[in-house]
């Protein structure tokens, strides 16, 4: 999402992140709440967060899974520092979505507003790698900016460089190719939450 003339500036500045993201995503809080709700119903002992940011998503998820061990990655050390203050017991690592994922078998993998930074082959590759690190009865919950069916619903500013959203149908197909059963839990305008589980 391009939230300033310098698209990445907001992303690496925790002090302005919330004001910027809420200004450009009016449905941000509902997206976060519904993402956390999508993790209910499984016994998540280990959770991987892809694109931790300031820890907003994972803090809500951990509230529902208080005994889970959390591992998360983000490419911004500054954002991770804020997340560490919120969740000091978690293992947060500097890393990109294109990098090898942390080693382990995770009951739950979550990602909010991060995967749209990958191009189409990058998303398909990530979904394959998520499938490999997800426990057999695990769940992958992804909330993100998408290309809507109706162009009038494309309301989130996209910078055209770092933002590479895809259609929901494309992502469902890539997830199915990775061995997942998939469903769209929630969508509004150009936001969607997809839930994927091993078939």
N, C-alpha and C. Protein backbone atom coordinates (compact mmCIF):
# COMPACT_ATOMS: atom_id res chain seq x y z
N UNK A 1 0.84 -1.17 0.00
CA UNK A 1 0.00 0.00 0.00
C UNK A 1 0.89 1.23 0.00
N UNK A 2 0.61 2.17 -0.86
CA UNK A 2 1.41 3.37 -0.92
C UNK A 2 0.80 4.43 -0.04
N UNK A 3 1.37 4.67 1.12
CA UNK A 3 0.75 5.58 2.07
C UNK A 3 1.46 6.91 2.17
N UNK A 4 2.35 7.20 1.25
CA UNK A 4 2.99 8.50 1.20
C UNK A 4 3.68 8.59 -0.14
N UNK A 5 4.31 9.72 -0.41
CA UNK A 5 5.06 9.85 -1.66
C UNK A 5 6.24 8.90 -1.68
N UNK A 6 6.72 8.49 -0.53
CA UNK A 6 7.76 7.48 -0.42
C UNK A 6 7.08 6.24 0.14
N UNK A 7 6.73 5.29 -0.75
CA UNK A 7 5.82 4.20 -0.37
C UNK A 7 6.24 3.40 0.84
N UNK A 8 7.54 3.25 1.08
CA UNK A 8 7.96 2.39 2.19
C UNK A 8 8.18 3.15 3.48
N UNK A 9 8.12 4.48 3.41
CA UNK A 9 8.46 5.24 4.60
C UNK A 9 7.54 4.88 5.76
N UNK A 10 6.22 4.80 5.50
CA UNK A 10 5.28 4.48 6.58
C UNK A 10 5.56 3.11 7.14
N UNK A 11 5.97 2.20 6.28
CA UNK A 11 6.09 0.81 6.68
C UNK A 11 7.18 0.64 7.73
N UNK A 12 8.19 1.50 7.66
CA UNK A 12 9.31 1.36 8.56
C UNK A 12 9.26 2.35 9.72
N UNK A 13 8.16 3.08 9.84
CA UNK A 13 8.04 4.06 10.92
C UNK A 13 6.88 3.67 11.82
N UNK A 14 7.16 2.95 12.89
CA UNK A 14 6.08 2.50 13.77
C UNK A 14 5.27 3.65 14.35
N UNK A 15 5.89 4.81 14.51
CA UNK A 15 5.20 5.94 15.14
C UNK A 15 4.03 6.44 14.30
N UNK A 16 4.14 6.31 12.98
CA UNK A 16 3.07 6.82 12.11
C UNK A 16 2.27 5.71 11.45
N UNK A 17 2.62 4.48 11.71
CA UNK A 17 2.00 3.36 11.00
C UNK A 17 0.48 3.32 11.17
N UNK A 18 0.01 3.36 12.41
CA UNK A 18 -1.42 3.17 12.64
C UNK A 18 -2.25 4.29 12.01
N UNK A 19 -1.82 5.53 12.18
CA UNK A 19 -2.57 6.63 11.57
C UNK A 19 -2.62 6.48 10.06
N UNK A 20 -1.50 6.09 9.47
CA UNK A 20 -1.45 5.96 8.01
C UNK A 20 -2.31 4.81 7.52
N UNK A 21 -2.19 3.67 8.17
CA UNK A 21 -2.93 2.50 7.68
C UNK A 21 -4.43 2.67 7.88
N UNK A 22 -4.82 3.28 8.98
CA UNK A 22 -6.26 3.47 9.22
C UNK A 22 -6.83 4.53 8.29
N UNK A 23 -6.02 5.51 7.90
CA UNK A 23 -6.50 6.52 6.97
C UNK A 23 -6.78 5.91 5.60
N UNK A 24 -5.99 4.94 5.22
CA UNK A 24 -6.15 4.36 3.88
C UNK A 24 -6.95 3.07 3.88
N UNK A 25 -7.14 2.47 5.05
CA UNK A 25 -7.95 1.25 5.16
C UNK A 25 -9.01 1.46 6.24
N UNK A 26 -10.14 2.04 5.88
CA UNK A 26 -11.18 2.28 6.88
C UNK A 26 -11.66 1.00 7.56
N UNK A 27 -11.52 -0.13 6.88
CA UNK A 27 -11.97 -1.40 7.45
C UNK A 27 -10.86 -2.15 8.17
N UNK A 28 -9.77 -1.45 8.51
CA UNK A 28 -8.60 -2.08 9.09
C UNK A 28 -8.92 -2.86 10.37
N UNK A 29 -9.65 -2.24 11.29
CA UNK A 29 -9.91 -2.91 12.56
C UNK A 29 -10.81 -4.13 12.39
N UNK A 30 -11.80 -4.02 11.50
CA UNK A 30 -12.64 -5.19 11.25
C UNK A 30 -11.83 -6.30 10.59
N UNK A 31 -10.95 -5.93 9.68
CA UNK A 31 -10.08 -6.92 9.05
C UNK A 31 -9.26 -7.65 10.10
N UNK A 32 -8.68 -6.90 11.02
CA UNK A 32 -7.86 -7.52 12.06
C UNK A 32 -8.70 -8.40 12.98
N UNK A 33 -9.86 -7.92 13.38
CA UNK A 33 -10.71 -8.72 14.26
C UNK A 33 -11.12 -10.02 13.59
N UNK A 34 -11.53 -9.94 12.33
CA UNK A 34 -11.99 -11.13 11.62
C UNK A 34 -10.83 -12.10 11.33
N UNK A 35 -9.64 -11.55 11.15
CA UNK A 35 -8.47 -12.41 10.95
C UNK A 35 -8.23 -13.24 12.20
N UNK A 36 -8.28 -12.60 13.35
CA UNK A 36 -8.11 -13.34 14.60
C UNK A 36 -9.22 -14.37 14.78
N UNK A 37 -10.46 -13.98 14.50
CA UNK A 37 -11.58 -14.90 14.66
C UNK A 37 -11.43 -16.14 13.76
N UNK A 38 -10.79 -15.95 12.62
CA UNK A 38 -10.59 -17.06 11.67
C UNK A 38 -9.65 -18.12 12.21
N UNK A 39 -8.95 -17.82 13.30
CA UNK A 39 -8.03 -18.80 13.89
C UNK A 39 -8.69 -19.63 14.97
N UNK A 40 -9.93 -19.33 15.30
CA UNK A 40 -10.62 -20.08 16.35
C UNK A 40 -10.93 -21.50 15.89
N UNK A 41 -11.05 -22.39 16.87
CA UNK A 41 -11.46 -23.75 16.56
C UNK A 41 -10.34 -24.72 16.33
N UNK A 42 -9.09 -24.27 16.44
CA UNK A 42 -7.97 -25.21 16.36
C UNK A 42 -7.11 -25.04 17.61
N UNK A 43 -6.40 -26.08 17.94
CA UNK A 43 -5.49 -26.04 19.08
C UNK A 43 -4.12 -25.59 18.57
N UNK A 44 -3.90 -24.29 18.60
CA UNK A 44 -2.67 -23.72 18.06
C UNK A 44 -1.60 -23.65 19.15
N UNK A 45 -0.70 -24.61 19.12
CA UNK A 45 0.42 -24.60 20.07
C UNK A 45 1.61 -23.84 19.52
N UNK A 46 1.67 -23.73 18.18
CA UNK A 46 2.77 -22.99 17.54
C UNK A 46 2.18 -22.16 16.40
N UNK A 47 2.57 -20.90 16.35
CA UNK A 47 2.02 -19.95 15.38
C UNK A 47 3.16 -19.25 14.66
N UNK A 48 3.03 -19.13 13.34
CA UNK A 48 3.98 -18.38 12.53
C UNK A 48 3.25 -17.18 11.94
N UNK A 49 3.81 -15.99 12.15
CA UNK A 49 3.23 -14.76 11.60
C UNK A 49 4.15 -14.25 10.49
N UNK A 50 3.60 -14.13 9.30
CA UNK A 50 4.36 -13.65 8.14
C UNK A 50 4.06 -12.19 7.89
N UNK A 51 5.01 -11.33 8.22
CA UNK A 51 4.81 -9.89 8.09
C UNK A 51 4.26 -9.32 9.38
N UNK A 52 5.04 -9.43 10.45
CA UNK A 52 4.58 -9.09 11.80
C UNK A 52 4.17 -7.63 11.92
N UNK A 53 4.93 -6.71 11.28
CA UNK A 53 4.69 -5.29 11.50
C UNK A 53 4.88 -4.94 12.96
N UNK A 54 3.95 -4.18 13.50
CA UNK A 54 4.03 -3.79 14.91
C UNK A 54 3.39 -4.83 15.84
N UNK A 55 2.94 -5.93 15.27
CA UNK A 55 2.37 -7.00 16.09
C UNK A 55 0.88 -6.91 16.30
N UNK A 56 0.21 -6.05 15.53
CA UNK A 56 -1.23 -5.87 15.72
C UNK A 56 -2.01 -7.17 15.49
N UNK A 57 -1.70 -7.86 14.41
CA UNK A 57 -2.42 -9.09 14.10
C UNK A 57 -2.12 -10.18 15.13
N UNK A 58 -0.84 -10.42 15.36
CA UNK A 58 -0.47 -11.54 16.22
C UNK A 58 -0.91 -11.30 17.66
N UNK A 59 -0.96 -10.05 18.11
CA UNK A 59 -1.45 -9.77 19.47
C UNK A 59 -2.90 -10.20 19.61
N UNK A 60 -3.70 -9.95 18.57
CA UNK A 60 -5.11 -10.37 18.63
C UNK A 60 -5.23 -11.89 18.55
N UNK A 61 -4.39 -12.51 17.74
CA UNK A 61 -4.43 -13.96 17.61
C UNK A 61 -4.00 -14.64 18.91
N UNK A 62 -2.95 -14.13 19.52
CA UNK A 62 -2.44 -14.73 20.76
C UNK A 62 -3.46 -14.60 21.89
N UNK A 63 -4.26 -13.56 21.84
CA UNK A 63 -5.32 -13.41 22.84
C UNK A 63 -6.25 -14.62 22.83
N UNK A 64 -6.43 -15.23 21.64
CA UNK A 64 -7.28 -16.41 21.50
C UNK A 64 -6.51 -17.72 21.72
N UNK A 65 -5.18 -17.64 21.65
CA UNK A 65 -4.32 -18.83 21.81
C UNK A 65 -3.18 -18.47 22.78
N UNK A 66 -3.52 -18.21 24.04
CA UNK A 66 -2.52 -17.65 24.97
C UNK A 66 -1.34 -18.55 25.29
N UNK A 67 -1.47 -19.85 25.07
CA UNK A 67 -0.35 -20.75 25.41
C UNK A 67 0.53 -21.07 24.20
N UNK A 68 0.22 -20.49 23.05
CA UNK A 68 0.97 -20.81 21.84
C UNK A 68 2.35 -20.16 21.84
N UNK A 69 3.30 -20.87 21.24
CA UNK A 69 4.62 -20.30 20.99
C UNK A 69 4.57 -19.59 19.64
N UNK A 70 5.02 -18.34 19.60
CA UNK A 70 4.91 -17.51 18.41
C UNK A 70 6.27 -17.27 17.79
N UNK A 71 6.35 -17.48 16.48
CA UNK A 71 7.51 -17.10 15.67
C UNK A 71 6.98 -16.16 14.59
N UNK A 72 7.72 -15.11 14.31
CA UNK A 72 7.27 -14.18 13.28
C UNK A 72 8.43 -13.57 12.53
N UNK A 73 8.16 -13.16 11.29
CA UNK A 73 9.18 -12.48 10.49
C UNK A 73 8.64 -11.17 9.95
N UNK A 74 9.55 -10.23 9.80
CA UNK A 74 9.26 -8.96 9.14
C UNK A 74 10.60 -8.40 8.68
N UNK A 75 10.58 -7.66 7.59
CA UNK A 75 11.85 -7.14 7.09
C UNK A 75 12.27 -5.85 7.79
N UNK A 76 11.42 -5.30 8.66
CA UNK A 76 11.74 -4.06 9.34
C UNK A 76 12.12 -4.29 10.80
N UNK A 77 13.39 -4.09 11.17
CA UNK A 77 13.78 -4.24 12.57
C UNK A 77 13.04 -3.26 13.48
N UNK A 78 12.74 -2.06 12.95
CA UNK A 78 12.06 -1.05 13.76
C UNK A 78 10.64 -1.50 14.12
N UNK A 79 9.94 -2.07 13.15
CA UNK A 79 8.59 -2.55 13.43
C UNK A 79 8.64 -3.73 14.41
N UNK A 80 9.63 -4.61 14.22
CA UNK A 80 9.73 -5.77 15.11
C UNK A 80 10.04 -5.35 16.54
N UNK A 81 10.75 -4.27 16.70
CA UNK A 81 11.05 -3.81 18.06
C UNK A 81 9.77 -3.44 18.79
N UNK A 82 8.84 -2.81 18.09
CA UNK A 82 7.55 -2.49 18.69
C UNK A 82 6.79 -3.78 19.01
N UNK A 83 6.82 -4.72 18.08
CA UNK A 83 6.14 -6.00 18.30
C UNK A 83 6.72 -6.74 19.50
N UNK A 84 8.03 -6.68 19.68
CA UNK A 84 8.67 -7.36 20.82
C UNK A 84 8.21 -6.77 22.14
N UNK A 85 7.97 -5.46 22.16
CA UNK A 85 7.49 -4.84 23.39
C UNK A 85 6.09 -5.33 23.73
N UNK A 86 5.30 -5.63 22.70
CA UNK A 86 3.94 -6.12 22.92
C UNK A 86 3.93 -7.59 23.30
N UNK A 87 4.83 -8.37 22.69
CA UNK A 87 4.86 -9.82 22.90
C UNK A 87 6.30 -10.26 23.16
N UNK A 88 6.80 -9.98 24.36
CA UNK A 88 8.22 -10.27 24.64
C UNK A 88 8.59 -11.75 24.60
N UNK A 89 7.62 -12.65 24.72
CA UNK A 89 7.92 -14.08 24.71
C UNK A 89 8.06 -14.64 23.29
N UNK A 90 7.64 -13.87 22.30
CA UNK A 90 7.67 -14.36 20.91
C UNK A 90 9.09 -14.30 20.34
N UNK A 91 9.32 -15.12 19.33
CA UNK A 91 10.59 -15.11 18.60
C UNK A 91 10.36 -14.38 17.28
N UNK A 92 10.74 -13.10 17.24
CA UNK A 92 10.57 -12.30 16.03
C UNK A 92 11.92 -12.17 15.33
N UNK A 93 11.92 -12.45 14.03
CA UNK A 93 13.14 -12.49 13.24
C UNK A 93 13.04 -11.54 12.06
N UNK A 94 14.13 -10.88 11.74
CA UNK A 94 14.17 -10.04 10.54
C UNK A 94 14.28 -10.96 9.33
N UNK A 95 13.35 -10.83 8.41
CA UNK A 95 13.36 -11.67 7.23
C UNK A 95 12.29 -11.23 6.25
N UNK A 96 12.45 -11.65 5.01
CA UNK A 96 11.49 -11.33 3.96
C UNK A 96 10.64 -12.56 3.63
N UNK A 97 9.49 -12.32 3.05
CA UNK A 97 8.62 -13.44 2.68
C UNK A 97 9.27 -14.32 1.62
N UNK A 98 10.20 -13.76 0.85
CA UNK A 98 10.89 -14.53 -0.18
C UNK A 98 11.95 -15.46 0.40
N UNK A 99 12.36 -15.22 1.65
CA UNK A 99 13.40 -16.02 2.29
C UNK A 99 12.83 -17.36 2.76
N UNK A 100 13.71 -18.34 3.02
CA UNK A 100 13.22 -19.59 3.63
C UNK A 100 12.46 -19.28 4.92
N UNK A 101 11.35 -19.96 5.12
CA UNK A 101 10.55 -19.73 6.32
C UNK A 101 11.24 -20.33 7.53
N UNK A 102 10.96 -19.81 8.73
CA UNK A 102 11.55 -20.39 9.94
C UNK A 102 11.28 -21.89 10.02
N UNK A 103 12.26 -22.60 10.54
CA UNK A 103 12.15 -24.05 10.65
C UNK A 103 11.13 -24.40 11.73
N UNK A 104 10.31 -25.37 11.43
CA UNK A 104 9.35 -25.83 12.42
C UNK A 104 8.09 -26.33 11.75
N UNK A 105 7.24 -26.93 12.57
CA UNK A 105 5.91 -27.35 12.13
C UNK A 105 4.91 -26.52 12.91
N UNK A 106 4.13 -25.72 12.20
CA UNK A 106 3.26 -24.75 12.85
C UNK A 106 1.80 -25.17 12.72
N UNK A 107 1.06 -25.04 13.80
CA UNK A 107 -0.36 -25.34 13.79
C UNK A 107 -1.16 -24.25 13.09
N UNK A 108 -0.61 -23.05 13.10
CA UNK A 108 -1.30 -21.91 12.54
C UNK A 108 -0.29 -20.97 11.90
N UNK A 109 -0.57 -20.55 10.68
CA UNK A 109 0.22 -19.53 10.00
C UNK A 109 -0.74 -18.39 9.68
N UNK A 110 -0.35 -17.18 10.04
CA UNK A 110 -1.19 -16.01 9.76
C UNK A 110 -0.37 -14.96 9.02
N UNK A 111 -1.07 -14.18 8.22
CA UNK A 111 -0.43 -13.08 7.52
C UNK A 111 -1.48 -12.03 7.22
N UNK A 112 -1.21 -10.79 7.57
CA UNK A 112 -2.14 -9.70 7.29
C UNK A 112 -1.40 -8.56 6.60
N UNK A 113 -1.90 -8.19 5.44
CA UNK A 113 -1.42 -7.02 4.70
C UNK A 113 0.07 -7.11 4.37
N UNK A 114 0.51 -8.29 3.99
CA UNK A 114 1.92 -8.48 3.64
C UNK A 114 2.11 -9.19 2.31
N UNK A 115 1.30 -10.21 2.03
CA UNK A 115 1.53 -11.05 0.87
C UNK A 115 1.34 -10.28 -0.44
N UNK A 116 0.57 -9.20 -0.42
CA UNK A 116 0.35 -8.44 -1.66
C UNK A 116 1.62 -7.74 -2.15
N UNK A 117 2.67 -7.76 -1.36
CA UNK A 117 3.95 -7.21 -1.81
C UNK A 117 4.70 -8.17 -2.73
N UNK A 118 4.25 -9.42 -2.81
CA UNK A 118 4.87 -10.41 -3.69
C UNK A 118 4.16 -10.40 -5.04
N UNK A 119 4.93 -10.67 -6.11
CA UNK A 119 4.30 -10.83 -7.42
C UNK A 119 3.63 -12.21 -7.49
N UNK A 120 2.98 -12.50 -8.60
CA UNK A 120 2.22 -13.75 -8.72
C UNK A 120 3.07 -14.99 -8.47
N UNK A 121 4.23 -15.15 -9.15
CA UNK A 121 5.06 -16.33 -8.86
C UNK A 121 5.52 -16.36 -7.39
N UNK A 122 5.77 -15.19 -6.82
CA UNK A 122 6.20 -15.13 -5.43
C UNK A 122 5.11 -15.62 -4.48
N UNK A 123 3.87 -15.25 -4.76
CA UNK A 123 2.76 -15.72 -3.93
C UNK A 123 2.62 -17.24 -4.04
N UNK A 124 2.63 -17.74 -5.27
CA UNK A 124 2.49 -19.18 -5.47
C UNK A 124 3.60 -19.95 -4.75
N UNK A 125 4.82 -19.42 -4.81
CA UNK A 125 5.95 -20.06 -4.14
C UNK A 125 5.77 -20.02 -2.63
N UNK A 126 5.34 -18.88 -2.10
CA UNK A 126 5.13 -18.76 -0.66
C UNK A 126 4.09 -19.77 -0.19
N UNK A 127 3.00 -19.91 -0.95
CA UNK A 127 1.94 -20.84 -0.54
C UNK A 127 2.46 -22.28 -0.49
N UNK A 128 3.34 -22.64 -1.41
CA UNK A 128 3.94 -23.97 -1.38
C UNK A 128 4.77 -24.15 -0.11
N UNK A 129 5.53 -23.11 0.25
CA UNK A 129 6.39 -23.19 1.44
C UNK A 129 5.58 -23.18 2.73
N UNK A 130 4.48 -22.44 2.73
CA UNK A 130 3.59 -22.48 3.90
C UNK A 130 3.02 -23.88 4.07
N UNK A 131 2.62 -24.51 2.97
CA UNK A 131 2.07 -25.87 3.05
C UNK A 131 3.08 -26.83 3.66
N UNK A 132 4.35 -26.61 3.38
CA UNK A 132 5.39 -27.51 3.88
C UNK A 132 5.64 -27.34 5.38
N UNK A 133 5.42 -26.14 5.90
CA UNK A 133 5.73 -25.90 7.32
C UNK A 133 4.48 -25.97 8.20
N UNK A 134 3.31 -26.17 7.58
CA UNK A 134 2.08 -26.23 8.34
C UNK A 134 1.81 -27.66 8.80
N UNK A 135 1.47 -27.81 10.07
CA UNK A 135 1.16 -29.14 10.61
C UNK A 135 -0.04 -29.74 9.87
N UNK A 136 -0.17 -31.07 9.86
CA UNK A 136 -1.22 -31.73 9.08
C UNK A 136 -2.63 -31.20 9.34
N UNK A 137 -2.95 -30.86 10.57
CA UNK A 137 -4.28 -30.34 10.89
C UNK A 137 -4.27 -28.82 11.02
N UNK A 138 -3.24 -28.20 10.46
CA UNK A 138 -3.05 -26.77 10.65
C UNK A 138 -3.91 -25.91 9.73
N UNK A 139 -3.79 -24.60 9.94
CA UNK A 139 -4.59 -23.64 9.18
C UNK A 139 -3.73 -22.43 8.82
N UNK A 140 -3.94 -21.93 7.61
CA UNK A 140 -3.29 -20.72 7.12
C UNK A 140 -4.37 -19.67 6.93
N UNK A 141 -4.23 -18.54 7.62
CA UNK A 141 -5.19 -17.44 7.51
C UNK A 141 -4.46 -16.24 6.92
N UNK A 142 -4.95 -15.78 5.78
CA UNK A 142 -4.31 -14.66 5.09
C UNK A 142 -5.33 -13.55 4.86
N UNK A 143 -5.02 -12.38 5.34
CA UNK A 143 -5.86 -11.19 5.12
C UNK A 143 -5.05 -10.20 4.31
N UNK A 144 -5.64 -9.71 3.20
CA UNK A 144 -4.81 -8.86 2.36
C UNK A 144 -5.61 -8.01 1.39
N UNK A 145 -4.88 -7.13 0.75
CA UNK A 145 -5.41 -6.32 -0.34
C UNK A 145 -5.44 -7.18 -1.60
N UNK A 146 -6.54 -7.13 -2.32
CA UNK A 146 -6.70 -7.93 -3.54
C UNK A 146 -7.21 -7.05 -4.67
N UNK A 147 -7.13 -7.56 -5.89
CA UNK A 147 -7.75 -6.89 -7.02
C UNK A 147 -9.22 -7.30 -7.02
N UNK A 148 -10.14 -6.37 -6.81
CA UNK A 148 -11.56 -6.74 -6.74
C UNK A 148 -12.15 -7.03 -8.12
N UNK A 149 -13.26 -7.75 -8.11
CA UNK A 149 -13.94 -8.04 -9.37
C UNK A 149 -14.44 -6.77 -10.03
N UNK A 150 -14.94 -5.85 -9.22
CA UNK A 150 -15.43 -4.56 -9.72
C UNK A 150 -14.35 -3.52 -9.48
N UNK A 151 -13.87 -2.90 -10.56
CA UNK A 151 -12.79 -1.92 -10.45
C UNK A 151 -13.15 -0.76 -9.53
N UNK A 152 -14.44 -0.48 -9.38
CA UNK A 152 -14.87 0.61 -8.50
C UNK A 152 -14.58 0.30 -7.03
N UNK A 153 -14.36 -0.97 -6.71
CA UNK A 153 -14.07 -1.36 -5.34
C UNK A 153 -12.58 -1.28 -5.00
N UNK A 154 -11.75 -0.89 -5.95
CA UNK A 154 -10.32 -0.74 -5.70
C UNK A 154 -10.07 0.61 -5.02
N UNK A 155 -10.21 0.62 -3.70
CA UNK A 155 -10.14 1.88 -2.96
C UNK A 155 -8.84 2.07 -2.19
N UNK A 156 -8.08 1.00 -2.01
CA UNK A 156 -6.81 1.11 -1.28
C UNK A 156 -5.75 1.64 -2.22
N UNK A 157 -5.03 2.72 -1.84
CA UNK A 157 -3.98 3.24 -2.72
C UNK A 157 -2.90 2.19 -2.96
N UNK A 158 -2.56 2.00 -4.22
CA UNK A 158 -1.55 1.03 -4.63
C UNK A 158 -0.45 1.80 -5.34
N UNK A 159 0.81 1.57 -4.92
CA UNK A 159 1.90 2.36 -5.50
C UNK A 159 2.39 1.84 -6.84
N UNK A 160 2.01 0.63 -7.22
CA UNK A 160 2.42 0.11 -8.51
C UNK A 160 3.84 -0.41 -8.56
N UNK A 161 4.55 -0.31 -7.46
CA UNK A 161 5.94 -0.80 -7.40
C UNK A 161 6.05 -1.89 -6.34
N UNK A 162 5.78 -1.53 -5.09
CA UNK A 162 5.88 -2.49 -4.00
C UNK A 162 4.57 -3.24 -3.77
N UNK A 163 3.48 -2.70 -4.30
CA UNK A 163 2.17 -3.31 -4.12
C UNK A 163 1.81 -4.09 -5.38
N UNK A 164 1.56 -5.39 -5.21
CA UNK A 164 1.29 -6.26 -6.35
C UNK A 164 0.11 -7.19 -6.04
N UNK A 165 -1.04 -6.60 -5.73
CA UNK A 165 -2.18 -7.45 -5.37
C UNK A 165 -2.61 -8.34 -6.52
N UNK A 166 -3.23 -9.45 -6.17
CA UNK A 166 -3.76 -10.41 -7.14
C UNK A 166 -5.25 -10.60 -6.87
N UNK A 167 -5.93 -11.22 -7.82
CA UNK A 167 -7.34 -11.52 -7.63
C UNK A 167 -7.50 -12.67 -6.64
N UNK A 168 -8.61 -12.67 -5.95
CA UNK A 168 -8.89 -13.75 -5.00
C UNK A 168 -8.88 -15.09 -5.72
N UNK A 169 -9.50 -15.16 -6.90
CA UNK A 169 -9.59 -16.43 -7.62
C UNK A 169 -8.21 -16.98 -7.95
N UNK A 170 -7.27 -16.09 -8.28
CA UNK A 170 -5.91 -16.54 -8.58
C UNK A 170 -5.27 -17.14 -7.33
N UNK A 171 -5.43 -16.46 -6.21
CA UNK A 171 -4.79 -16.92 -4.98
C UNK A 171 -5.42 -18.23 -4.49
N UNK A 172 -6.73 -18.36 -4.67
CA UNK A 172 -7.36 -19.63 -4.32
C UNK A 172 -6.78 -20.76 -5.15
N UNK A 173 -6.55 -20.49 -6.42
CA UNK A 173 -5.98 -21.51 -7.31
C UNK A 173 -4.57 -21.89 -6.89
N UNK A 174 -3.75 -20.90 -6.55
CA UNK A 174 -2.37 -21.19 -6.13
C UNK A 174 -2.36 -21.96 -4.81
N UNK A 175 -3.27 -21.62 -3.92
CA UNK A 175 -3.36 -22.34 -2.65
C UNK A 175 -3.81 -23.78 -2.88
N UNK A 176 -4.77 -23.98 -3.78
CA UNK A 176 -5.21 -25.35 -4.10
C UNK A 176 -4.06 -26.14 -4.72
N UNK A 177 -3.28 -25.48 -5.57
CA UNK A 177 -2.12 -26.16 -6.16
C UNK A 177 -1.11 -26.58 -5.10
N UNK A 178 -1.08 -25.85 -3.98
CA UNK A 178 -0.17 -26.17 -2.88
C UNK A 178 -0.73 -27.26 -1.97
N UNK A 179 -1.94 -27.73 -2.26
CA UNK A 179 -2.52 -28.82 -1.49
C UNK A 179 -3.53 -28.41 -0.44
N UNK A 180 -4.01 -27.18 -0.53
CA UNK A 180 -4.95 -26.69 0.47
C UNK A 180 -6.40 -26.81 0.00
N UNK A 181 -7.28 -26.99 0.96
CA UNK A 181 -8.70 -26.70 0.77
C UNK A 181 -8.90 -25.26 1.20
N UNK A 182 -9.62 -24.47 0.42
CA UNK A 182 -9.65 -23.03 0.66
C UNK A 182 -11.08 -22.50 0.72
N UNK A 183 -11.23 -21.38 1.41
CA UNK A 183 -12.49 -20.66 1.44
C UNK A 183 -12.22 -19.20 1.69
N UNK A 184 -13.13 -18.36 1.23
CA UNK A 184 -13.05 -16.92 1.50
C UNK A 184 -13.94 -16.65 2.71
N UNK A 185 -13.34 -16.27 3.80
CA UNK A 185 -14.08 -16.05 5.04
C UNK A 185 -14.82 -14.72 5.01
N UNK A 186 -14.19 -13.70 4.43
CA UNK A 186 -14.73 -12.34 4.48
C UNK A 186 -14.13 -11.53 3.35
N UNK A 187 -14.90 -10.64 2.79
CA UNK A 187 -14.36 -9.72 1.80
C UNK A 187 -15.16 -8.43 1.83
N UNK A 188 -14.47 -7.34 1.58
CA UNK A 188 -15.12 -6.04 1.47
C UNK A 188 -14.27 -5.17 0.55
N UNK A 189 -14.91 -4.71 -0.51
CA UNK A 189 -14.22 -3.91 -1.52
C UNK A 189 -12.94 -4.64 -1.98
N UNK A 190 -11.76 -4.10 -1.68
CA UNK A 190 -10.52 -4.74 -2.15
C UNK A 190 -9.73 -5.40 -1.02
N UNK A 191 -10.45 -5.85 -0.01
CA UNK A 191 -9.84 -6.61 1.09
C UNK A 191 -10.50 -7.98 1.16
N UNK A 192 -9.72 -8.98 1.53
CA UNK A 192 -10.28 -10.33 1.66
C UNK A 192 -9.50 -11.11 2.70
N UNK A 193 -10.19 -12.05 3.33
CA UNK A 193 -9.57 -12.99 4.25
C UNK A 193 -9.80 -14.38 3.68
N UNK A 194 -8.71 -15.08 3.44
CA UNK A 194 -8.76 -16.43 2.89
C UNK A 194 -8.27 -17.40 3.95
N UNK A 195 -8.99 -18.50 4.11
CA UNK A 195 -8.60 -19.54 5.05
C UNK A 195 -8.24 -20.79 4.26
N UNK A 196 -7.07 -21.35 4.54
CA UNK A 196 -6.58 -22.53 3.83
C UNK A 196 -6.20 -23.61 4.83
N UNK A 197 -6.62 -24.85 4.55
CA UNK A 197 -6.29 -25.98 5.40
C UNK A 197 -5.86 -27.14 4.52
N UNK A 198 -4.98 -27.99 5.06
CA UNK A 198 -4.55 -29.16 4.30
C UNK A 198 -5.76 -30.01 3.93
N UNK A 199 -5.79 -30.47 2.69
CA UNK A 199 -6.85 -31.38 2.26
C UNK A 199 -6.58 -32.78 2.81
